[in-house]
Amino acid sequence: MAAKWRATRWWGVDIGDPELVVWGSPVELGAQDRIRQLRDALMRSHLLPAFEMSPANLDRFVDTIRRARPAMLFGYPSSLSLIAEHARKKASRWTRLASRSPS
């Protein structure tokens, strides 16, 4: 953890800056839910499950990233690439939704 914080500080991301983690460790996703939730709340981190990459979940992941505006995305390069490609393909639809004027 200390090595991660040191490296992220080189990139201008400090301890406590909001982050989204795309990960799939059974330890992270399983029995330690309460501990993980407390740790994530304290560290301003949000976990997205890396092995649940359905189109509906990818829509949800991109929406989560847009809402959270994290200082850093951390995770498997292949998973981050899938999310980025999905967002790129859907960008025009999301842009139209975001730029609608109120009725």
PDB file of N, CA and C in Angstrom:
ATOM      1  N   MET A   1       0.830  -1.180   0.000  1.00  0.00           N
ATOM      2  CA  MET A   1       0.000   0.000   0.000  1.00  0.00           C
ATOM      3  C   MET A   1       0.883   1.255   0.000  1.00  0.00           C
ATOM      4  N   ALA A   2       1.935   1.239   0.802  1.00  0.00           N
ATOM      5  CA  ALA A   2       2.831   2.400   0.861  1.00  0.00           C
ATOM      6  C   ALA A   2       3.489   2.651  -0.495  1.00  0.00           C
ATOM      7  N   ALA A   3       3.874   1.583  -1.188  1.00  0.00           N
ATOM      8  CA  ALA A   3       4.482   1.741  -2.511  1.00  0.00           C
ATOM      9  C   ALA A   3       3.487   2.339  -3.502  1.00  0.00           C
ATOM     10  N   LYS A   4       2.227   1.919  -3.408  1.00  0.00           N
ATOM     11  CA  LYS A   4       1.183   2.471  -4.287  1.00  0.00           C
ATOM     12  C   LYS A   4       1.020   3.964  -4.012  1.00  0.00           C
ATOM     13  N   TRP A   5       0.940   4.354  -2.749  1.00  0.00           N
ATOM     14  CA  TRP A   5       0.761   5.767  -2.413  1.00  0.00           C
ATOM     15  C   TRP A   5       1.946   6.598  -2.883  1.00  0.00           C
ATOM     16  N   ARG A   6       3.144   6.048  -2.716  1.00  0.00           N
ATOM     17  CA  ARG A   6       4.333   6.783  -3.154  1.00  0.00           C
ATOM     18  C   ARG A   6       4.292   7.000  -4.662  1.00  0.00           C
ATOM     19  N   ALA A   7       3.985   5.951  -5.396  1.00  0.00           N
ATOM     20  CA  ALA A   7       3.933   6.061  -6.857  1.00  0.00           C
ATOM     21  C   ALA A   7       2.823   7.010  -7.306  1.00  0.00           C
ATOM     22  N   THR A   8       1.653   6.917  -6.701  1.00  0.00           N
ATOM     23  CA  THR A   8       0.556   7.779  -7.138  1.00  0.00           C
ATOM     24  C   THR A   8       0.832   9.244  -6.829  1.00  0.00           C
ATOM     25  N   ARG A   9       1.580   9.514  -5.786  1.00  0.00           N
ATOM     26  CA  ARG A   9       1.963  10.900  -5.494  1.00  0.00           C
ATOM     27  C   ARG A   9       2.846  11.472  -6.600  1.00  0.00           C
ATOM     28  N   TRP A  10       3.651  10.625  -7.231  1.00  0.00           N
ATOM     29  CA  TRP A  10       4.466  11.082  -8.366  1.00  0.00           C
ATOM     30  C   TRP A  10       3.566  11.576  -9.495  1.00  0.00           C
ATOM     31  N   TRP A  11       2.348  11.019  -9.588  1.00  0.00           N
ATOM     32  CA  TRP A  11       1.409  11.391 -10.653  1.00  0.00           C
ATOM     33  C   TRP A  11       0.427  12.463 -10.201  1.00  0.00           C
ATOM     34  N   GLY A  12       0.628  12.998  -9.001  1.00  0.00           N
ATOM     35  CA  GLY A  12      -0.248  14.050  -8.509  1.00  0.00           C
ATOM     36  C   GLY A  12      -1.520  13.556  -7.838  1.00  0.00           C
ATOM     37  N   VAL A  13      -1.582  12.282  -7.508  1.00  0.00           N
ATOM     38  CA  VAL A  13      -2.731  11.698  -6.808  1.00  0.00           C
ATOM     39  C   VAL A  13      -2.295  11.432  -5.375  1.00  0.00           C
ATOM     40  N   ASP A  14      -3.010  12.008  -4.413  1.00  0.00           N
ATOM     41  CA  ASP A  14      -2.600  11.896  -3.012  1.00  0.00           C
ATOM     42  C   ASP A  14      -3.507  10.932  -2.256  1.00  0.00           C
ATOM     43  N   ILE A  15      -3.075  10.564  -1.068  1.00  0.00           N
ATOM     44  CA  ILE A  15      -3.865   9.700  -0.189  1.00  0.00           C
ATOM     45  C   ILE A  15      -5.203  10.384   0.066  1.00  0.00           C
ATOM     46  N   GLY A  16      -6.274   9.644  -0.120  1.00  0.00           N
ATOM     47  CA  GLY A  16      -7.608  10.183   0.115  1.00  0.00           C
ATOM     48  C   GLY A  16      -8.264  10.793  -1.107  1.00  0.00           C
ATOM     49  N   ASP A  17      -7.509  11.002  -2.205  1.00  0.00           N
ATOM     50  CA  ASP A  17      -8.142  11.447  -3.447  1.00  0.00           C
ATOM     51  C   ASP A  17      -9.059  10.325  -3.928  1.00  0.00           C
ATOM     52  N   PRO A  18     -10.207  10.668  -4.495  1.00  0.00           N
ATOM     53  CA  PRO A  18     -11.135   9.620  -4.922  1.00  0.00           C
ATOM     54  C   PRO A  18     -10.535   8.740  -6.011  1.00  0.00           C
ATOM     55  N   GLU A  19     -10.749   7.431  -5.876  1.00  0.00           N
ATOM     56  CA  GLU A  19     -10.266   6.489  -6.882  1.00  0.00           C
ATOM     57  C   GLU A  19     -11.329   5.432  -7.147  1.00  0.00           C
ATOM     58  N   LEU A  20     -11.284   4.890  -8.352  1.00  0.00           N
ATOM     59  CA  LEU A  20     -12.102   3.741  -8.710  1.00  0.00           C
ATOM     60  C   LEU A  20     -11.153   2.596  -9.006  1.00  0.00           C
ATOM     61  N   VAL A  21     -11.446   1.443  -8.432  1.00  0.00           N
ATOM     62  CA  VAL A  21     -10.602   0.261  -8.577  1.00  0.00           C
ATOM     63  C   VAL A  21     -11.398  -0.790  -9.333  1.00  0.00           C
ATOM     64  N   VAL A  22     -10.853  -1.254 -10.450  1.00  0.00           N
ATOM     65  CA  VAL A  22     -11.471  -2.325 -11.238  1.00  0.00           C
ATOM     66  C   VAL A  22     -10.660  -3.580 -10.923  1.00  0.00           C
ATOM     67  N   TRP A  23     -11.245  -4.425 -10.075  1.00  0.00           N
ATOM     68  CA  TRP A  23     -10.501  -5.550  -9.524  1.00  0.00           C
ATOM     69  C   TRP A  23     -11.396  -6.759  -9.413  1.00  0.00           C
ATOM     70  N   GLY A  24     -10.799  -7.925  -9.227  1.00  0.00           N
ATOM     71  CA  GLY A  24     -11.596  -9.138  -9.167  1.00  0.00           C
ATOM     72  C   GLY A  24     -11.169 -10.113  -8.104  1.00  0.00           C
ATOM     73  N   SER A  25     -10.401  -9.674  -7.122  1.00  0.00           N
ATOM     74  CA  SER A  25      -9.938 -10.570  -6.080  1.00  0.00           C
ATOM     75  C   SER A  25     -11.113 -11.115  -5.278  1.00  0.00           C
ATOM     76  N   PRO A  26     -11.206 -12.434  -5.127  1.00  0.00           N
ATOM     77  CA  PRO A  26     -12.281 -13.000  -4.313  1.00  0.00           C
ATOM     78  C   PRO A  26     -12.263 -12.462  -2.878  1.00  0.00           C
ATOM     79  N   VAL A  27     -11.083 -12.143  -2.345  1.00  0.00           N
ATOM     80  CA  VAL A  27     -10.995 -11.584  -0.997  1.00  0.00           C
ATOM     81  C   VAL A  27     -11.695 -10.223  -0.966  1.00  0.00           C
ATOM     82  N   GLU A  28     -11.474  -9.410  -1.998  1.00  0.00           N
ATOM     83  CA  GLU A  28     -12.079  -8.077  -2.057  1.00  0.00           C
ATOM     84  C   GLU A  28     -13.584  -8.148  -2.286  1.00  0.00           C
ATOM     85  N   LEU A  29     -14.028  -9.117  -3.066  1.00  0.00           N
ATOM     86  CA  LEU A  29     -15.436  -9.182  -3.451  1.00  0.00           C
ATOM     87  C   LEU A  29     -16.275 -10.068  -2.536  1.00  0.00           C
ATOM     88  N   GLY A  30     -15.643 -10.782  -1.623  1.00  0.00           N
ATOM     89  CA  GLY A  30     -16.361 -11.799  -0.872  1.00  0.00           C
ATOM     90  C   GLY A  30     -16.686 -11.452   0.552  1.00  0.00           C
ATOM     91  N   ALA A  31     -16.202 -12.274   1.442  1.00  0.00           N
ATOM     92  CA  ALA A  31     -16.629 -12.288   2.837  1.00  0.00           C
ATOM     93  C   ALA A  31     -16.291 -11.033   3.624  1.00  0.00           C
ATOM     94  N   GLN A  32     -15.351 -10.216   3.170  1.00  0.00           N
ATOM     95  CA  GLN A  32     -14.929  -9.063   3.949  1.00  0.00           C
ATOM     96  C   GLN A  32     -15.696  -7.795   3.559  1.00  0.00           C
ATOM     97  N   ASP A  33     -16.959  -7.919   3.185  1.00  0.00           N
ATOM     98  CA  ASP A  33     -17.722  -6.778   2.686  1.00  0.00           C
ATOM     99  C   ASP A  33     -17.747  -5.598   3.653  1.00  0.00           C
ATOM    100  N   ARG A  34     -18.005  -5.825   4.931  1.00  0.00           N
ATOM    101  CA  ARG A  34     -18.075  -4.712   5.897  1.00  0.00           C
ATOM    102  C   ARG A  34     -16.730  -4.022   6.062  1.00  0.00           C
ATOM    103  N   ILE A  35     -15.676  -4.816   6.166  1.00  0.00           N
ATOM    104  CA  ILE A  35     -14.334  -4.242   6.301  1.00  0.00           C
ATOM    105  C   ILE A  35     -13.977  -3.458   5.044  1.00  0.00           C
ATOM    106  N   ARG A  36     -14.262  -4.029   3.883  1.00  0.00           N
ATOM    107  CA  ARG A  36     -13.965  -3.357   2.613  1.00  0.00           C
ATOM    108  C   ARG A  36     -14.756  -2.064   2.490  1.00  0.00           C
ATOM    109  N   GLN A  37     -16.029  -2.089   2.865  1.00  0.00           N
ATOM    110  CA  GLN A  37     -16.852  -0.880   2.776  1.00  0.00           C
ATOM    111  C   GLN A  37     -16.313   0.228   3.673  1.00  0.00           C
ATOM    112  N   LEU A  38     -15.902  -0.116   4.873  1.00  0.00           N
ATOM    113  CA  LEU A  38     -15.327   0.877   5.781  1.00  0.00           C
ATOM    114  C   LEU A  38     -14.017   1.423   5.220  1.00  0.00           C
ATOM    115  N   ARG A  39     -13.146   0.523   4.783  1.00  0.00           N
ATOM    116  CA  ARG A  39     -11.870   0.949   4.202  1.00  0.00           C
ATOM    117  C   ARG A  39     -12.105   1.833   2.982  1.00  0.00           C
ATOM    118  N   ASP A  40     -13.021   1.414   2.098  1.00  0.00           N
ATOM    119  CA  ASP A  40     -13.295   2.185   0.884  1.00  0.00           C
ATOM    120  C   ASP A  40     -13.859   3.563   1.211  1.00  0.00           C
ATOM    121  N   ALA A  41     -14.718   3.650   2.205  1.00  0.00           N
ATOM    122  CA  ALA A  41     -15.274   4.948   2.597  1.00  0.00           C
ATOM    123  C   ALA A  41     -14.171   5.860   3.144  1.00  0.00           C
ATOM    124  N   LEU A  42     -13.303   5.314   3.986  1.00  0.00           N
ATOM    125  CA  LEU A  42     -12.213   6.106   4.552  1.00  0.00           C
ATOM    126  C   LEU A  42     -11.207   6.553   3.488  1.00  0.00           C
ATOM    127  N   MET A  43     -10.939   5.684   2.534  1.00  0.00           N
ATOM    128  CA  MET A  43      -9.927   5.973   1.517  1.00  0.00           C
ATOM    129  C   MET A  43     -10.521   6.592   0.254  1.00  0.00           C
ATOM    130  N   ARG A  44     -11.834   6.811   0.241  1.00  0.00           N
ATOM    131  CA  ARG A  44     -12.533   7.376  -0.922  1.00  0.00           C
ATOM    132  C   ARG A  44     -12.274   6.533  -2.170  1.00  0.00           C
ATOM    133  N   SER A  45     -12.425   5.234  -1.997  1.00  0.00           N
ATOM    134  CA  SER A  45     -12.193   4.275  -3.073  1.00  0.00           C
ATOM    135  C   SER A  45     -13.496   3.533  -3.351  1.00  0.00           C
ATOM    136  N   HIS A  46     -13.722   3.218  -4.618  1.00  0.00           N
ATOM    137  CA  HIS A  46     -14.925   2.480  -5.004  1.00  0.00           C
ATOM    138  C   HIS A  46     -14.495   1.315  -5.883  1.00  0.00           C
ATOM    139  N   LEU A  47     -14.982   0.118  -5.575  1.00  0.00           N
ATOM    140  CA  LEU A  47     -14.600  -1.092  -6.292  1.00  0.00           C
ATOM    141  C   LEU A  47     -15.630  -1.426  -7.365  1.00  0.00           C
ATOM    142  N   LEU A  48     -15.147  -1.635  -8.587  1.00  0.00           N
ATOM    143  CA  LEU A  48     -15.972  -2.150  -9.683  1.00  0.00           C
ATOM    144  C   LEU A  48     -15.485  -3.566  -9.977  1.00  0.00           C
ATOM    145  N   PRO A  49     -16.389  -4.557 -10.016  1.00  0.00           N
ATOM    146  CA  PRO A  49     -15.964  -5.946 -10.207  1.00  0.00           C
ATOM    147  C   PRO A  49     -15.459  -6.209 -11.634  1.00  0.00           C
ATOM    148  N   ALA A  50     -14.205  -6.580 -11.757  1.00  0.00           N
ATOM    149  CA  ALA A  50     -13.551  -6.734 -13.058  1.00  0.00           C
ATOM    150  C   ALA A  50     -14.077  -7.912 -13.879  1.00  0.00           C
ATOM    151  N   PHE A  51     -14.688  -8.872 -13.231  1.00  0.00           N
ATOM    152  CA  PHE A  51     -15.130 -10.052 -13.967  1.00  0.00           C
ATOM    153  C   PHE A  51     -16.630 -10.030 -14.237  1.00  0.00           C
ATOM    154  N   GLU A  52     -17.218  -8.849 -14.206  1.00  0.00           N
ATOM    155  CA  GLU A  52     -18.649  -8.688 -14.512  1.00  0.00           C
ATOM    156  C   GLU A  52     -18.796  -7.648 -15.620  1.00  0.00           C
ATOM    157  N   MET A  53     -18.264  -7.956 -16.795  1.00  0.00           N
ATOM    158  CA  MET A  53     -18.181  -6.994 -17.892  1.00  0.00           C
ATOM    159  C   MET A  53     -19.296  -7.159 -18.927  1.00  0.00           C
ATOM    160  N   SER A  54     -20.527  -7.346 -18.496  1.00  0.00           N
ATOM    161  CA  SER A  54     -21.657  -7.402 -19.421  1.00  0.00           C
ATOM    162  C   SER A  54     -21.923  -5.993 -19.953  1.00  0.00           C
ATOM    163  N   PRO A  55     -22.610  -5.860 -21.088  1.00  0.00           N
ATOM    164  CA  PRO A  55     -22.920  -4.519 -21.605  1.00  0.00           C
ATOM    165  C   PRO A  55     -23.671  -3.646 -20.592  1.00  0.00           C
ATOM    166  N   ALA A  56     -24.606  -4.217 -19.865  1.00  0.00           N
ATOM    167  CA  ALA A  56     -25.342  -3.438 -18.865  1.00  0.00           C
ATOM    168  C   ALA A  56     -24.420  -2.975 -17.743  1.00  0.00           C
ATOM    169  N   ASN A  57     -23.538  -3.844 -17.292  1.00  0.00           N
ATOM    170  CA  ASN A  57     -22.593  -3.451 -16.248  1.00  0.00           C
ATOM    171  C   ASN A  57     -21.596  -2.420 -16.763  1.00  0.00           C
ATOM    172  N   LEU A  58     -21.164  -2.555 -18.012  1.00  0.00           N
ATOM    173  CA  LEU A  58     -20.253  -1.564 -18.580  1.00  0.00           C
ATOM    174  C   LEU A  58     -20.917  -0.190 -18.628  1.00  0.00           C
ATOM    175  N   ASP A  59     -22.203  -0.144 -18.986  1.00  0.00           N
ATOM    176  CA  ASP A  59     -22.943   1.131 -18.934  1.00  0.00           C
ATOM    177  C   ASP A  59     -22.907   1.699 -17.518  1.00  0.00           C
ATOM    178  N   ARG A  60     -23.164   0.840 -16.548  1.00  0.00           N
ATOM    179  CA  ARG A  60     -23.172   1.265 -15.143  1.00  0.00           C
ATOM    180  C   ARG A  60     -21.784   1.719 -14.693  1.00  0.00           C
ATOM    181  N   PHE A  61     -20.748   0.999 -15.116  1.00  0.00           N
ATOM    182  CA  PHE A  61     -19.378   1.371 -14.743  1.00  0.00           C
ATOM    183  C   PHE A  61     -19.026   2.752 -15.289  1.00  0.00           C
ATOM    184  N   VAL A  62     -19.352   3.005 -16.554  1.00  0.00           N
ATOM    185  CA  VAL A  62     -19.043   4.308 -17.151  1.00  0.00           C
ATOM    186  C   VAL A  62     -19.823   5.406 -16.438  1.00  0.00           C
ATOM    187  N   ASP A  63     -21.088   5.151 -16.121  1.00  0.00           N
ATOM    188  CA  ASP A  63     -21.881   6.138 -15.373  1.00  0.00           C
ATOM    189  C   ASP A  63     -21.269   6.405 -14.000  1.00  0.00           C
ATOM    190  N   THR A  64     -20.805   5.351 -13.337  1.00  0.00           N
ATOM    191  CA  THR A  64     -20.162   5.500 -12.033  1.00  0.00           C
ATOM    192  C   THR A  64     -18.899   6.351 -12.150  1.00  0.00           C
ATOM    193  N   ILE A  65     -18.113   6.091 -13.171  1.00  0.00           N
ATOM    194  CA  ILE A  65     -16.880   6.863 -13.382  1.00  0.00           C
ATOM    195  C   ILE A  65     -17.227   8.330 -13.629  1.00  0.00           C
ATOM    196  N   ARG A  66     -18.227   8.596 -14.454  1.00  0.00           N
ATOM    197  CA  ARG A  66     -18.624   9.982 -14.731  1.00  0.00           C
ATOM    198  C   ARG A  66     -19.108  10.694 -13.474  1.00  0.00           C
ATOM    199  N   ARG A  67     -19.904  10.014 -12.663  1.00  0.00           N
ATOM    200  CA  ARG A  67     -20.427  10.633 -11.430  1.00  0.00           C
ATOM    201  C   ARG A  67     -19.324  10.845 -10.400  1.00  0.00           C
ATOM    202  N   ALA A  68     -18.460   9.850 -10.230  1.00  0.00           N
ATOM    203  CA  ALA A  68     -17.440   9.899  -9.180  1.00  0.00           C
ATOM    204  C   ALA A  68     -16.294  10.850  -9.531  1.00  0.00           C
ATOM    205  N   ARG A  69     -16.009  11.025 -10.807  1.00  0.00           N
ATOM    206  CA  ARG A  69     -14.897  11.867 -11.252  1.00  0.00           C
ATOM    207  C   ARG A  69     -13.633  11.570 -10.443  1.00  0.00           C
ATOM    208  N   PRO A  70     -13.168  10.305 -10.481  1.00  0.00           N
ATOM    209  CA  PRO A  70     -12.022   9.928  -9.652  1.00  0.00           C
ATOM    210  C   PRO A  70     -10.730  10.603 -10.113  1.00  0.00           C
ATOM    211  N   ALA A  71      -9.840  10.791  -9.173  1.00  0.00           N
ATOM    212  CA  ALA A  71      -8.507  11.299  -9.509  1.00  0.00           C
ATOM    213  C   ALA A  71      -7.684  10.205 -10.181  1.00  0.00           C
ATOM    214  N   MET A  72      -8.082   8.936  -9.940  1.00  0.00           N
ATOM    215  CA  MET A  72      -7.315   7.822 -10.480  1.00  0.00           C
ATOM    216  C   MET A  72      -8.219   6.617 -10.718  1.00  0.00           C
ATOM    217  N   LEU A  73      -7.966   5.919 -11.817  1.00  0.00           N
ATOM    218  CA  LEU A  73      -8.538   4.601 -12.073  1.00  0.00           C
ATOM    219  C   LEU A  73      -7.408   3.605 -11.892  1.00  0.00           C
ATOM    220  N   PHE A  74      -7.676   2.541 -11.153  1.00  0.00           N
ATOM    221  CA  PHE A  74      -6.666   1.531 -10.870  1.00  0.00           C
ATOM    222  C   PHE A  74      -7.277   0.179 -11.164  1.00  0.00           C
ATOM    223  N   GLY A  75      -6.575  -0.682 -11.891  1.00  0.00           N
ATOM    224  CA  GLY A  75      -7.119  -2.006 -12.134  1.00  0.00           C
ATOM    225  C   GLY A  75      -6.387  -2.746 -13.228  1.00  0.00           C
ATOM    226  N   TYR A  76      -6.990  -3.846 -13.639  1.00  0.00           N
ATOM    227  CA  TYR A  76      -6.424  -4.659 -14.701  1.00  0.00           C
ATOM    228  C   TYR A  76      -6.450  -3.856 -16.002  1.00  0.00           C
ATOM    229  N   PRO A  77      -5.348  -3.782 -16.736  1.00  0.00           N
ATOM    230  CA  PRO A  77      -5.352  -3.046 -18.008  1.00  0.00           C
ATOM    231  C   PRO A  77      -6.421  -3.546 -18.979  1.00  0.00           C
ATOM    232  N   SER A  78      -6.638  -4.855 -19.033  1.00  0.00           N
ATOM    233  CA  SER A  78      -7.642  -5.395 -19.961  1.00  0.00           C
ATOM    234  C   SER A  78      -9.052  -4.924 -19.589  1.00  0.00           C
ATOM    235  N   SER A  79      -9.356  -4.880 -18.310  1.00  0.00           N
ATOM    236  CA  SER A  79     -10.678  -4.419 -17.863  1.00  0.00           C
ATOM    237  C   SER A  79     -10.857  -2.931 -18.117  1.00  0.00           C
ATOM    238  N   LEU A  80      -9.827  -2.140 -17.798  1.00  0.00           N
ATOM    239  CA  LEU A  80      -9.894  -0.706 -18.048  1.00  0.00           C
ATOM    240  C   LEU A  80     -10.048  -0.427 -19.539  1.00  0.00           C
ATOM    241  N   SER A  81      -9.386  -1.215 -20.371  1.00  0.00           N
ATOM    242  CA  SER A  81      -9.492  -1.070 -21.819  1.00  0.00           C
ATOM    243  C   SER A  81     -10.912  -1.370 -22.298  1.00  0.00           C
ATOM    244  N   LEU A  82     -11.528  -2.427 -21.759  1.00  0.00           N
ATOM    245  CA  LEU A  82     -12.915  -2.754 -22.124  1.00  0.00           C
ATOM    246  C   LEU A  82     -13.873  -1.619 -21.747  1.00  0.00           C
ATOM    247  N   ILE A  83     -13.694  -1.063 -20.575  1.00  0.00           N
ATOM    248  CA  ILE A  83     -14.554   0.044 -20.135  1.00  0.00           C
ATOM    249  C   ILE A  83     -14.349   1.250 -21.044  1.00  0.00           C
ATOM    250  N   ALA A  84     -13.095   1.571 -21.358  1.00  0.00           N
ATOM    251  CA  ALA A  84     -12.802   2.719 -22.219  1.00  0.00           C
ATOM    252  C   ALA A  84     -13.373   2.517 -23.620  1.00  0.00           C
ATOM    253  N   GLU A  85     -13.227   1.342 -24.167  1.00  0.00           N
ATOM    254  CA  GLU A  85     -13.765   1.060 -25.506  1.00  0.00           C
ATOM    255  C   GLU A  85     -15.285   1.138 -25.502  1.00  0.00           C
ATOM    256  N   HIS A  86     -15.911   0.626 -24.478  1.00  0.00           N
ATOM    257  CA  HIS A  86     -17.371   0.695 -24.358  1.00  0.00           C
ATOM    258  C   HIS A  86     -17.825   2.155 -24.284  1.00  0.00           C
ATOM    259  N   ALA A  87     -17.128   2.952 -23.488  1.00  0.00           N
ATOM    260  CA  ALA A  87     -17.468   4.375 -23.367  1.00  0.00           C
ATOM    261  C   ALA A  87     -17.285   5.087 -24.702  1.00  0.00           C
ATOM    262  N   ARG A  88     -16.221   4.752 -25.425  1.00  0.00           N
ATOM    263  CA  ARG A  88     -15.973   5.379 -26.722  1.00  0.00           C
ATOM    264  C   ARG A  88     -17.096   5.064 -27.702  1.00  0.00           C
ATOM    265  N   LYS A  89     -17.534   3.797 -27.735  1.00  0.00           N
ATOM    266  CA  LYS A  89     -18.599   3.395 -28.653  1.00  0.00           C
ATOM    267  C   LYS A  89     -19.938   4.040 -28.307  1.00  0.00           C
ATOM    268  N   LYS A  90     -20.188   4.273 -27.028  1.00  0.00           N
ATOM    269  CA  LYS A  90     -21.469   4.814 -26.580  1.00  0.00           C
ATOM    270  C   LYS A  90     -21.439   6.333 -26.391  1.00  0.00           C
ATOM    271  N   ALA A  91     -20.332   6.970 -26.682  1.00  0.00           N
ATOM    272  CA  ALA A  91     -20.147   8.395 -26.359  1.00  0.00           C
ATOM    273  C   ALA A  91     -21.222   9.278 -26.955  1.00  0.00           C
ATOM    274  N   SER A  92     -21.623   9.047 -28.199  1.00  0.00           N
ATOM    275  CA  SER A  92     -22.608   9.947 -28.806  1.00  0.00           C
ATOM    276  C   SER A  92     -23.951   9.856 -28.083  1.00  0.00           C
ATOM    277  N   ARG A  93     -24.335   8.654 -27.691  1.00  0.00           N
ATOM    278  CA  ARG A  93     -25.593   8.497 -26.960  1.00  0.00           C
ATOM    279  C   ARG A  93     -25.525   9.216 -25.620  1.00  0.00           C
ATOM    280  N   TRP A  94     -24.432   9.051 -24.890  1.00  0.00           N
ATOM    281  CA  TRP A  94     -24.282   9.692 -23.591  1.00  0.00           C
ATOM    282  C   TRP A  94     -24.174  11.202 -23.733  1.00  0.00           C
ATOM    283  N   THR A  95     -23.509  11.664 -24.792  1.00  0.00           N
ATOM    284  CA  THR A  95     -23.383  13.099 -25.014  1.00  0.00           C
ATOM    285  C   THR A  95     -24.768  13.713 -25.228  1.00  0.00           C
ATOM    286  N   ARG A  96     -25.591  13.063 -26.036  1.00  0.00           N
ATOM    287  CA  ARG A  96     -26.948  13.590 -26.275  1.00  0.00           C
ATOM    288  C   ARG A  96     -27.734  13.633 -24.976  1.00  0.00           C
ATOM    289  N   LEU A  97     -27.621  12.606 -24.146  1.00  0.00           N
ATOM    290  CA  LEU A  97     -28.351  12.602 -22.881  1.00  0.00           C
ATOM    291  C   LEU A  97     -27.855  13.719 -21.961  1.00  0.00           C
ATOM    292  N   ALA A  98     -26.555  13.919 -21.936  1.00  0.00           N
ATOM    293  CA  ALA A  98     -25.977  14.920 -21.037  1.00  0.00           C
ATOM    294  C   ALA A  98     -26.275  16.339 -21.498  1.00  0.00           C
ATOM    295  N   SER A  99     -26.469  16.540 -22.803  1.00  0.00           N
ATOM    296  CA  SER A  99     -26.641  17.903 -23.289  1.00  0.00           C
ATOM    297  C   SER A  99     -28.105  18.284 -23.511  1.00  0.00           C
ATOM    298  N   ARG A 100     -29.032  17.415 -23.133  1.00  0.00           N
ATOM    299  CA  ARG A 100     -30.450  17.750 -23.277  1.00  0.00           C
ATOM    300  C   ARG A 100     -30.826  18.954 -22.429  1.00  0.00           C
ATOM    301  N   SER A 101     -31.637  19.815 -23.005  1.00  0.00           N
ATOM    302  CA  SER A 101     -32.129  20.931 -22.192  1.00  0.00           C
ATOM    303  C   SER A 101     -33.362  20.490 -21.416  1.00  0.00           C
ATOM    304  N   PRO A 102     -33.541  21.072 -20.227  1.00  0.00           N
ATOM    305  CA  PRO A 102     -34.708  20.695 -19.431  1.00  0.00           C
ATOM    306  C   PRO A 102     -35.990  21.093 -20.146  1.00  0.00           C
ATOM    307  N   SER A 103     -37.007  20.272 -20.028  1.00  0.00           N
ATOM    308  CA  SER A 103     -38.295  20.555 -20.676  1.00  0.00           C
ATOM    309  C   SER A 103     -39.157  21.430 -19.823  1.00  0.00           C
TER     310      SER A 103
END
